[in-house]
Amino acid sequence: MLSPSADTIAAIATAQGRGGVGVVRVSGTAVPRIAIELLGELPIPRFAKYGSFLDKSGQVIDQGIALYFVAPHSYTGENVLELQGHGGTAILQLLQQRCIELGARLAEPGEFTRRAYLNNKLDLAQAESVADLIEATTTEAARSAMRSLQGEFSAEIHGLVEELISLRMLVEAMLDFPEEDIEIVDSTRRDAQLEQINFKLCNILQNAKQGSLLREGAHIVLVGRPNVGKSSLLNKLSGQDVALVSDVPGTTRDVIRQAIQIRGVPLHIIDTAGLRESQDAVENMGIARTHQTVQRADLILLLREASQNTTTQDEDILALLPAEIPRLQVFNKADLLVDERDALPANSIYVSAKTGAGLEALRDKLLELVGWRNQEGGVFMARARHLLALSLAQDHLKLAGNVRHNPELFAEELRLVQRALSSITGEFTADDLLGEIFGRFCIGK
């Protein structure tokens, strides 16, 4: 595990560009001295002080509010000084440079939060949720990130680890005292605890998958013959004219991406070139990109015309779609239907991109197929590494169940379960992984 740096760091903590207020943050042992040089005195801890920020000649750089936090009662667990001045780019750069002149160095990306983690102010899952909260694009994602920041995800993991430790203690006792006549009682207790742990792990993994969906979103690709209304449907779902619509086949020649949200869940809708044989070199390039995009989709929407029978071209397109990727057949132009529609094929829906008919049902179906379960609370933000760790823990727990009659192997599998779970909160984490995680933060955080 890395040790906290002895350096004092400084950085602009607000976003680039102009604003009414800008913040420069300083953290480290040199903060009291820097505060005296910059402000003329050391502010009372945790009280806002209005005053002038001075350069080395005593001239005023800016005027604003200074907040001083004494270690360990700060975000980083170190002495921290926050300078809140005017949000002009030049002013903030001057203020940051003055802090560097007084002995601080420019902070690395995510270094403030990294220090908070290394000083036990946050665990690793909470530290990651800081970046997730900043990057949240929907209200549901922001709420989930805040739940993780407040420790709900970590508490679930810690609770599971405690139960796992209890089971490991029981197994170790069975190994240490095999001659005692308590094997039947202990075996029953062992199996009950194992089942309880497995049940809780499954629930945590399910909630984590929901949180991962809120963070990453799902990629939904629209495919079909030319002129079936893919671009019109994209425009209708997004509420904007993001794709050019024309009666001329082959109008869409490249992949068009649009981010939308349905009930707080981010979705990336991708319009593609109509699939057909073409003599147009540019259109063929777009069709090739369509095939590449389909391979990376989380869900495929195959658009067809509701008023037409299935064509050979539709069947050819259907045969080309990857079997492992979920798909939904969408019959567009339902407003042109005259006769009473036949029974819908399995996993399909009727819509009209022109009138908007069926769009609410389509939105509900999209959420269902990408795996979203509408639930109040309980969803916490999760990343790909969290899902991998939980899946690894689940695999080892399954192996443990298979070898539970061999105490030595059972104990080893339980140890590996605990190690996988503890990597989520940072008890067992490689230093290079820490560098990768915090390197993706913004400079001032």
Protein backbone atom coordinates (compact mmCIF):
# COMPACT_ATOMS: atom_id res chain seq x y z
CA MET A 1 0.00 0.00 0.00
CA LEU A 2 1.30 3.45 -0.89
CA SER A 3 1.99 5.96 1.87
CA PRO A 4 0.58 9.50 1.79
CA SER A 5 3.03 11.99 0.31
CA ALA A 6 4.75 14.53 2.55
CA ASP A 7 4.48 17.16 -0.18
CA THR A 8 2.04 20.03 -0.02
CA ILE A 9 -0.13 20.19 -3.14
CA ALA A 10 -2.23 22.92 -4.73
CA ALA A 11 -4.66 23.06 -7.64
CA ILE A 12 -7.61 24.93 -9.05
CA ALA A 13 -10.64 22.94 -7.89
CA THR A 14 -13.31 24.51 -10.10
CA ALA A 15 -13.97 23.77 -13.77
CA GLN A 16 -12.07 25.54 -16.53
CA GLY A 17 -13.50 28.76 -17.90
CA ARG A 18 -14.98 31.87 -16.34
CA GLY A 19 -17.39 31.86 -13.43
CA GLY A 20 -18.61 33.95 -10.54
CA VAL A 21 -16.52 32.01 -8.02
CA GLY A 22 -13.32 29.99 -8.41
CA VAL A 23 -11.62 27.79 -5.81
CA VAL A 24 -7.96 26.99 -5.25
CA ARG A 25 -7.33 24.10 -2.85
CA VAL A 26 -4.11 23.46 -0.92
CA SER A 27 -3.36 20.36 1.18
CA GLY A 28 -0.32 19.32 3.23
CA THR A 29 1.96 20.18 6.12
CA ALA A 30 3.00 23.57 4.69
CA VAL A 31 -0.58 24.91 4.67
CA PRO A 32 -0.30 27.02 7.89
CA ARG A 33 2.82 28.80 6.60
CA ILE A 34 1.30 29.34 3.15
CA ALA A 35 -1.89 30.72 4.72
CA ILE A 36 0.07 33.25 6.82
CA GLU A 37 2.12 34.42 3.81
CA LEU A 38 -0.92 34.63 1.56
CA LEU A 39 -3.48 36.07 3.98
CA GLY A 40 -1.34 37.84 6.56
CA GLU A 41 -2.60 35.54 9.33
CA LEU A 42 -3.75 31.98 9.99
CA PRO A 43 -7.56 31.83 9.84
CA ILE A 44 -9.56 30.30 12.67
CA PRO A 45 -10.14 26.65 11.71
CA ARG A 46 -13.48 25.93 10.04
CA PHE A 47 -14.54 29.61 10.04
CA ALA A 48 -14.87 31.59 6.81
CA LYS A 49 -12.48 34.56 6.67
CA TYR A 50 -12.99 37.33 4.13
CA GLY A 51 -9.81 39.13 3.13
CA SER A 52 -7.17 39.84 0.51
CA PHE A 53 -4.91 37.27 -1.14
CA LEU A 54 -1.42 38.79 -1.39
CA ASP A 55 1.50 38.29 -3.76
CA LYS A 56 5.16 38.29 -2.60
CA SER A 57 5.36 42.11 -2.76
CA GLY A 58 2.21 42.55 -0.68
CA GLN A 59 0.04 43.54 -3.63
CA VAL A 60 -3.53 42.20 -3.72
CA ILE A 61 -4.05 39.34 -6.18
CA ASP A 62 -7.73 38.97 -5.37
CA GLN A 63 -10.23 39.27 -2.53
CA GLY A 64 -12.41 36.46 -1.30
CA ILE A 65 -13.04 33.87 1.40
CA ALA A 66 -10.47 31.56 2.98
CA LEU A 67 -11.37 28.34 4.81
CA TYR A 68 -8.77 26.52 6.93
CA PHE A 69 -9.21 22.90 8.05
CA VAL A 70 -6.81 21.33 10.56
CA ALA A 71 -5.75 17.71 10.12
CA PRO A 72 -7.27 15.19 10.45
CA HIS A 73 -10.62 17.02 10.19
CA SER A 74 -10.54 17.75 6.46
CA TYR A 75 -11.35 16.14 3.15
CA THR A 76 -7.82 14.77 2.70
CA GLY A 77 -7.11 14.15 6.38
CA GLU A 78 -4.31 16.77 6.14
CA ASN A 79 -4.18 20.50 6.76
CA VAL A 80 -6.28 22.05 4.00
CA LEU A 81 -6.74 25.63 2.82
CA GLU A 82 -9.50 26.57 0.38
CA LEU A 83 -9.35 29.97 -1.29
CA GLN A 84 -12.60 31.12 -2.84
CA GLY A 85 -12.06 34.08 -5.14
CA HIS A 86 -13.41 35.40 -8.40
CA GLY A 87 -13.71 32.80 -11.14
CA GLY A 88 -11.58 34.40 -13.84
CA THR A 89 -8.96 32.17 -15.47
CA ALA A 90 -6.07 34.61 -15.01
CA ILE A 91 -6.93 35.31 -11.36
CA LEU A 92 -7.07 31.64 -10.46
CA GLN A 93 -3.80 30.93 -12.26
CA LEU A 94 -2.10 33.75 -10.33
CA LEU A 95 -3.46 32.43 -7.04
CA GLN A 96 -2.36 28.88 -7.82
CA GLN A 97 1.09 30.10 -8.86
CA ARG A 98 1.42 32.05 -5.60
CA CYS A 99 0.75 28.85 -3.61
CA ILE A 100 3.43 27.06 -5.64
CA GLU A 101 5.90 29.91 -4.96
CA LEU A 102 5.25 29.40 -1.25
CA GLY A 103 6.27 25.73 -1.34
CA ALA A 104 3.36 23.74 -2.75
CA ARG A 105 3.54 21.75 -5.95
CA LEU A 106 0.85 21.27 -8.59
CA ALA A 107 -1.41 18.36 -7.65
CA GLU A 108 -1.65 15.32 -9.88
CA PRO A 109 -5.08 14.22 -11.21
CA GLY A 110 -7.16 12.87 -8.34
CA GLU A 111 -4.41 13.44 -5.77
CA PHE A 112 -6.66 15.13 -3.20
CA THR A 113 -9.07 12.19 -3.20
CA ARG A 114 -6.16 9.75 -3.30
CA ARG A 115 -4.80 11.31 -0.11
CA ALA A 116 -8.24 11.06 1.46
CA TYR A 117 -8.21 7.34 0.67
CA LEU A 118 -4.65 6.80 1.95
CA ASN A 119 -5.49 8.70 5.15
CA ASN A 120 -8.58 6.49 5.73
CA LYS A 121 -11.09 9.28 5.16
CA LEU A 122 -12.69 7.25 2.35
CA ASP A 123 -12.42 3.68 1.22
CA LEU A 124 -11.71 2.95 -2.44
CA ALA A 125 -15.34 2.46 -3.47
CA GLN A 126 -16.27 5.80 -1.89
CA ALA A 127 -13.30 7.51 -3.54
CA GLU A 128 -14.40 6.26 -6.96
CA SER A 129 -17.93 7.49 -6.30
CA VAL A 130 -16.56 11.05 -6.00
CA ALA A 131 -15.62 10.95 -9.69
CA ASP A 132 -18.89 9.19 -10.53
CA LEU A 133 -20.88 11.92 -8.79
CA ILE A 134 -19.07 14.61 -10.77
CA GLU A 135 -19.57 12.76 -14.06
CA ALA A 136 -23.20 11.72 -13.46
CA THR A 137 -25.37 12.62 -16.46
CA THR A 138 -28.78 11.75 -14.98
CA THR A 139 -30.50 12.38 -11.67
CA GLU A 140 -30.70 8.64 -10.95
CA ALA A 141 -26.96 8.26 -11.56
CA ALA A 142 -26.24 11.20 -9.24
CA ARG A 143 -28.40 9.71 -6.47
CA SER A 144 -26.72 6.33 -6.82
CA ALA A 145 -23.26 7.90 -6.75
CA MET A 146 -24.19 9.80 -3.60
CA ARG A 147 -25.37 6.58 -1.96
CA SER A 148 -21.98 5.04 -2.73
CA LEU A 149 -20.17 8.14 -1.45
CA GLN A 150 -22.12 7.95 1.80
CA GLY A 151 -20.92 4.36 2.19
CA GLU A 152 -23.96 2.21 1.33
CA PHE A 153 -22.05 0.06 -1.15
CA SER A 154 -19.08 -0.27 1.20
CA ALA A 155 -21.37 -1.15 4.12
CA GLU A 156 -22.91 -3.98 2.06
CA ILE A 157 -19.45 -5.31 1.22
CA HIS A 158 -18.16 -4.97 4.80
CA GLY A 159 -21.24 -6.75 6.14
CA LEU A 160 -20.73 -9.61 3.72
CA VAL A 161 -17.04 -9.85 4.63
CA GLU A 162 -17.94 -10.02 8.33
CA GLU A 163 -20.24 -12.97 7.67
CA LEU A 164 -17.52 -14.57 5.58
CA ILE A 165 -15.01 -14.16 8.41
CA SER A 166 -17.46 -15.81 10.79
CA LEU A 167 -17.76 -18.78 8.42
CA ARG A 168 -13.99 -18.97 8.00
CA MET A 169 -13.57 -19.04 11.79
CA LEU A 170 -16.00 -21.96 11.98
CA VAL A 171 -14.13 -23.84 9.26
CA GLU A 172 -10.77 -23.18 10.92
CA ALA A 173 -12.17 -24.52 14.20
CA MET A 174 -13.29 -27.67 12.41
CA LEU A 175 -9.76 -28.01 11.00
CA ASP A 176 -8.08 -27.42 14.36
CA PHE A 177 -10.31 -29.74 16.38
CA PRO A 178 -11.34 -32.58 14.07
CA GLU A 179 -11.52 -35.07 16.90
CA GLU A 180 -14.31 -33.20 18.69
CA ASP A 181 -17.79 -34.74 18.37
CA ILE A 182 -19.43 -31.62 16.88
CA GLU A 183 -19.13 -32.36 13.18
CA ILE A 184 -22.88 -32.69 12.40
CA VAL A 185 -23.82 -29.48 14.22
CA ASP A 186 -20.95 -27.56 12.63
CA SER A 187 -21.71 -28.90 9.15
CA THR A 188 -25.33 -27.78 9.41
CA ARG A 189 -24.26 -24.36 10.62
CA ARG A 190 -21.60 -24.18 7.89
CA ASP A 191 -24.11 -24.93 5.12
CA ALA A 192 -26.64 -22.42 6.48
CA GLN A 193 -24.03 -19.65 6.63
CA LEU A 194 -22.79 -20.49 3.15
CA GLU A 195 -26.32 -20.28 1.74
CA GLN A 196 -26.92 -16.94 3.50
CA ILE A 197 -23.69 -15.47 2.13
CA ASN A 198 -24.51 -16.66 -1.38
CA PHE A 199 -27.98 -15.09 -1.18
CA LYS A 200 -26.60 -11.72 -0.06
CA LEU A 201 -23.84 -11.78 -2.66
CA CYS A 202 -26.40 -12.36 -5.43
CA ASN A 203 -28.44 -9.35 -4.23
CA ILE A 204 -25.36 -7.11 -4.08
CA LEU A 205 -24.30 -8.20 -7.57
CA GLN A 206 -27.79 -7.45 -8.93
CA ASN A 207 -27.77 -3.95 -7.41
CA ALA A 208 -24.23 -3.39 -8.67
CA LYS A 209 -25.31 -4.28 -12.21
CA GLN A 210 -28.07 -1.69 -11.94
CA GLY A 211 -25.53 0.88 -10.74
CA SER A 212 -23.18 -0.01 -13.57
CA LEU A 213 -26.01 0.55 -16.05
CA LEU A 214 -26.63 4.00 -14.55
CA ARG A 215 -22.95 4.84 -14.86
CA GLU A 216 -22.13 3.41 -18.28
CA GLY A 217 -25.52 3.39 -19.98
CA ALA A 218 -26.45 0.86 -22.66
CA HIS A 219 -25.67 0.97 -26.39
CA ILE A 220 -28.73 0.36 -28.57
CA VAL A 221 -28.22 0.00 -32.31
CA LEU A 222 -30.94 0.62 -34.90
CA VAL A 223 -30.62 -1.66 -37.94
CA GLY A 224 -32.83 -2.48 -40.89
CA ARG A 225 -33.41 -1.92 -44.58
CA PRO A 226 -33.13 1.59 -46.00
CA ASN A 227 -36.19 3.79 -45.51
CA VAL A 228 -37.81 1.83 -42.69
CA GLY A 229 -37.62 4.88 -40.41
CA LYS A 230 -34.47 4.38 -38.33
CA SER A 231 -33.48 8.06 -38.42
CA SER A 232 -37.07 9.17 -37.76
CA LEU A 233 -37.23 6.90 -34.71
CA LEU A 234 -33.89 8.24 -33.44
CA ASN A 235 -35.18 11.80 -33.77
CA LYS A 236 -38.41 10.92 -31.97
CA LEU A 237 -36.66 9.17 -29.08
CA SER A 238 -34.15 11.98 -28.62
CA GLY A 239 -36.64 14.80 -29.08
CA GLN A 240 -34.25 16.47 -31.55
CA ASP A 241 -33.64 16.43 -35.29
CA VAL A 242 -30.21 14.82 -34.94
CA ALA A 243 -30.45 12.66 -38.07
CA LEU A 244 -31.34 13.71 -41.61
CA VAL A 245 -34.64 12.19 -42.74
CA SER A 246 -35.43 11.66 -46.44
CA ASP A 247 -37.48 9.36 -48.66
CA VAL A 248 -34.32 8.68 -50.66
CA PRO A 249 -32.85 5.27 -49.72
CA GLY A 250 -29.29 5.41 -48.41
CA THR A 251 -29.56 8.89 -46.87
CA THR A 252 -27.82 7.76 -43.67
CA ARG A 253 -24.29 6.82 -44.65
CA ASP A 254 -22.49 6.89 -41.34
CA VAL A 255 -23.12 5.95 -37.74
CA ILE A 256 -25.01 8.64 -35.79
CA ARG A 257 -24.93 8.48 -32.00
CA GLN A 258 -27.28 10.26 -29.62
CA ALA A 259 -27.39 10.03 -25.83
CA ILE A 260 -30.85 9.99 -24.30
CA GLN A 261 -32.27 9.07 -20.91
CA ILE A 262 -35.38 7.17 -20.02
CA ARG A 263 -36.51 7.51 -16.41
CA GLY A 264 -33.02 8.52 -15.36
CA VAL A 265 -31.27 5.66 -17.18
CA PRO A 266 -28.73 6.80 -19.81
CA LEU A 267 -29.01 5.11 -23.20
CA HIS A 268 -26.84 5.60 -26.28
CA ILE A 269 -29.01 5.25 -29.39
CA ILE A 270 -27.02 4.56 -32.57
CA ASP A 271 -28.54 5.07 -36.02
CA THR A 272 -26.83 3.13 -38.81
CA ALA A 273 -26.78 2.96 -42.58
CA GLY A 274 -29.54 0.85 -44.10
CA LEU A 275 -28.34 -2.69 -44.86
CA ARG A 276 -28.57 -3.52 -48.54
CA GLU A 277 -26.39 -4.20 -51.58
CA SER A 278 -25.15 -0.93 -53.04
CA GLN A 279 -22.87 0.26 -55.84
CA ASP A 280 -22.11 3.46 -53.92
CA ALA A 281 -18.63 3.23 -52.34
CA VAL A 282 -19.44 5.75 -49.60
CA GLU A 283 -22.69 3.99 -48.69
CA ASN A 284 -20.84 0.66 -48.55
CA MET A 285 -18.36 2.18 -46.08
CA GLY A 286 -21.32 3.16 -43.89
CA ILE A 287 -22.78 -0.35 -44.16
CA ALA A 288 -19.41 -1.82 -43.09
CA ARG A 289 -19.44 0.46 -40.05
CA THR A 290 -22.96 -0.71 -39.29
CA HIS A 291 -21.77 -4.31 -39.04
CA GLN A 292 -18.89 -3.26 -36.74
CA THR A 293 -21.22 -1.26 -34.50
CA VAL A 294 -23.71 -4.12 -34.19
CA GLN A 295 -21.00 -6.38 -32.75
CA ARG A 296 -20.50 -3.97 -29.81
CA ALA A 297 -24.20 -3.38 -29.05
CA ASP A 298 -25.97 -4.21 -25.80
CA LEU A 299 -29.30 -4.35 -27.63
CA ILE A 300 -30.27 -4.44 -31.31
CA LEU A 301 -33.47 -2.89 -32.61
CA LEU A 302 -34.38 -4.45 -35.95
CA LEU A 303 -36.74 -2.02 -37.71
CA ARG A 304 -39.27 -3.27 -40.24
CA GLU A 305 -42.31 -1.73 -41.91
CA ALA A 306 -45.56 -2.70 -40.19
CA SER A 307 -47.54 -2.53 -43.44
CA GLN A 308 -45.24 -4.87 -45.37
CA ASN A 309 -44.71 -8.59 -45.17
CA THR A 310 -41.32 -9.95 -44.19
CA THR A 311 -38.95 -9.69 -47.14
CA THR A 312 -35.95 -11.80 -48.05
CA GLN A 313 -33.82 -8.78 -47.19
CA ASP A 314 -35.32 -8.66 -43.68
CA GLU A 315 -34.55 -12.35 -43.21
CA ASP A 316 -30.99 -11.86 -44.45
CA ILE A 317 -30.45 -9.00 -41.99
CA LEU A 318 -31.89 -11.06 -39.15
CA ALA A 319 -29.53 -13.94 -39.98
CA LEU A 320 -26.52 -11.60 -39.84
CA LEU A 321 -27.26 -10.35 -36.31
CA PRO A 322 -25.09 -11.84 -33.51
CA ALA A 323 -27.14 -14.50 -31.73
CA GLU A 324 -25.72 -13.64 -28.30
CA ILE A 325 -26.92 -10.00 -28.35
CA PRO A 326 -30.54 -9.35 -27.27
CA ARG A 327 -32.76 -8.00 -30.03
CA LEU A 328 -36.17 -6.41 -30.42
CA GLN A 329 -38.15 -6.30 -33.67
CA VAL A 330 -39.80 -2.90 -34.05
CA PHE A 331 -42.53 -2.55 -36.67
CA ASN A 332 -42.49 1.11 -37.68
CA LYS A 333 -45.07 3.11 -39.69
CA ALA A 334 -47.93 1.54 -37.76
CA ASP A 335 -50.02 4.60 -38.75
CA LEU A 336 -50.19 3.17 -42.28
CA LEU A 337 -51.90 -0.04 -41.17
CA VAL A 338 -55.41 -0.48 -42.54
CA ASP A 339 -56.36 -4.00 -41.57
CA GLU A 340 -56.39 -5.21 -37.99
CA ARG A 341 -52.86 -6.18 -37.17
CA ASP A 342 -51.97 -9.81 -36.70
CA ALA A 343 -50.57 -11.23 -33.51
CA LEU A 344 -47.13 -9.77 -32.82
CA PRO A 345 -44.10 -11.98 -33.35
CA ALA A 346 -42.22 -12.84 -30.16
CA ASN A 347 -40.20 -9.97 -28.70
CA SER A 348 -41.54 -7.27 -31.02
CA ILE A 349 -43.55 -4.05 -30.85
CA TYR A 350 -45.50 -1.68 -33.15
CA VAL A 351 -44.68 2.05 -33.27
CA SER A 352 -45.12 5.09 -35.46
CA ALA A 353 -42.13 7.40 -35.55
CA LYS A 354 -44.37 9.89 -37.37
CA THR A 355 -47.21 10.15 -34.83
CA GLY A 356 -45.40 8.92 -31.71
CA ALA A 357 -47.78 6.01 -31.20
CA GLY A 358 -46.26 3.14 -29.25
CA LEU A 359 -43.20 5.09 -28.14
CA GLU A 360 -43.99 4.82 -24.41
CA ALA A 361 -44.35 1.06 -24.74
CA LEU A 362 -41.06 1.02 -26.66
CA ARG A 363 -39.29 2.98 -23.91
CA ASP A 364 -40.55 0.54 -21.28
CA LYS A 365 -39.39 -2.38 -23.39
CA LEU A 366 -35.94 -0.85 -23.90
CA LEU A 367 -35.42 -0.52 -20.14
CA GLU A 368 -36.57 -4.08 -19.61
CA LEU A 369 -34.24 -5.53 -22.25
CA VAL A 370 -31.13 -3.65 -21.08
CA GLY A 371 -31.70 -5.04 -17.60
CA TRP A 372 -33.12 -2.09 -15.68
CA ARG A 373 -35.36 -2.94 -12.74
CA ASN A 374 -37.38 -0.03 -11.43
CA GLN A 375 -36.74 0.08 -7.68
CA GLU A 376 -36.75 2.74 -5.00
CA GLY A 377 -33.31 3.15 -3.45
CA GLY A 378 -30.87 0.32 -2.95
CA VAL A 379 -28.98 0.98 -6.20
CA PHE A 380 -25.42 2.15 -5.70
CA MET A 381 -22.94 3.24 -8.34
CA ALA A 382 -20.67 0.45 -9.54
CA ARG A 383 -17.84 0.16 -12.02
CA ALA A 384 -16.65 -2.65 -14.27
CA ARG A 385 -13.96 -3.64 -11.76
CA HIS A 386 -16.60 -3.96 -9.03
CA LEU A 387 -18.67 -6.30 -11.19
CA LEU A 388 -15.57 -8.36 -11.98
CA ALA A 389 -14.67 -8.61 -8.30
CA LEU A 390 -18.21 -9.63 -7.33
CA SER A 391 -18.37 -12.18 -10.13
CA LEU A 392 -15.00 -13.59 -9.07
CA ALA A 393 -16.23 -13.83 -5.48
CA GLN A 394 -19.35 -15.61 -6.69
CA ASP A 395 -17.26 -18.10 -8.69
CA HIS A 396 -15.06 -18.91 -5.69
CA LEU A 397 -18.12 -19.20 -3.46
CA LYS A 398 -19.60 -21.73 -5.89
CA LEU A 399 -16.33 -23.70 -5.84
CA ALA A 400 -16.37 -23.53 -2.05
CA GLY A 401 -19.80 -25.13 -2.03
CA ASN A 402 -18.56 -27.92 -4.28
CA VAL A 403 -15.62 -28.75 -1.98
CA ARG A 404 -17.23 -28.01 1.38
CA HIS A 405 -16.64 -31.60 2.53
CA ASN A 406 -12.90 -31.02 2.14
CA PRO A 407 -12.15 -28.46 4.87
CA GLU A 408 -8.72 -27.46 3.56
CA LEU A 409 -9.96 -26.67 0.04
CA PHE A 410 -13.14 -25.09 1.43
CA ALA A 411 -11.10 -22.74 3.63
CA GLU A 412 -8.89 -21.70 0.71
CA GLU A 413 -11.87 -20.87 -1.54
CA LEU A 414 -13.42 -18.79 1.25
CA ARG A 415 -10.15 -16.88 1.58
CA LEU A 416 -10.24 -16.10 -2.14
CA VAL A 417 -13.86 -14.94 -1.83
CA GLN A 418 -12.84 -12.52 0.91
CA ARG A 419 -9.87 -11.27 -1.09
CA ALA A 420 -12.07 -10.52 -4.12
CA LEU A 421 -14.63 -8.64 -2.01
CA SER A 422 -11.98 -6.67 -0.13
CA SER A 423 -10.46 -5.44 -3.41
CA ILE A 424 -13.65 -3.40 -3.91
CA THR A 425 -13.12 -1.26 -0.83
CA GLY A 426 -9.33 -1.27 -1.10
CA GLU A 427 -8.13 -3.62 1.62
CA PHE A 428 -6.41 -5.70 -1.07
CA THR A 429 -5.51 -3.46 -4.02
CA ALA A 430 -2.38 -3.25 -6.17
CA ASP A 431 -0.62 0.13 -6.29
CA ASP A 432 -0.76 0.24 -10.10
CA LEU A 433 -4.54 -0.09 -9.96
CA LEU A 434 -4.68 2.87 -7.56
CA GLY A 435 -2.68 4.94 -10.03
CA GLU A 436 -5.08 4.07 -12.82
CA ILE A 437 -8.18 4.84 -10.74
CA PHE A 438 -7.09 8.22 -9.42
CA GLY A 439 -5.35 9.20 -12.65
CA ARG A 440 -8.80 9.58 -14.27
CA PHE A 441 -9.92 12.24 -11.78
CA CYS A 442 -9.79 15.94 -12.54
CA ILE A 443 -6.74 17.85 -11.27
CA GLY A 444 -8.40 19.72 -8.40
CA LYS A 445 -10.15 16.67 -6.95
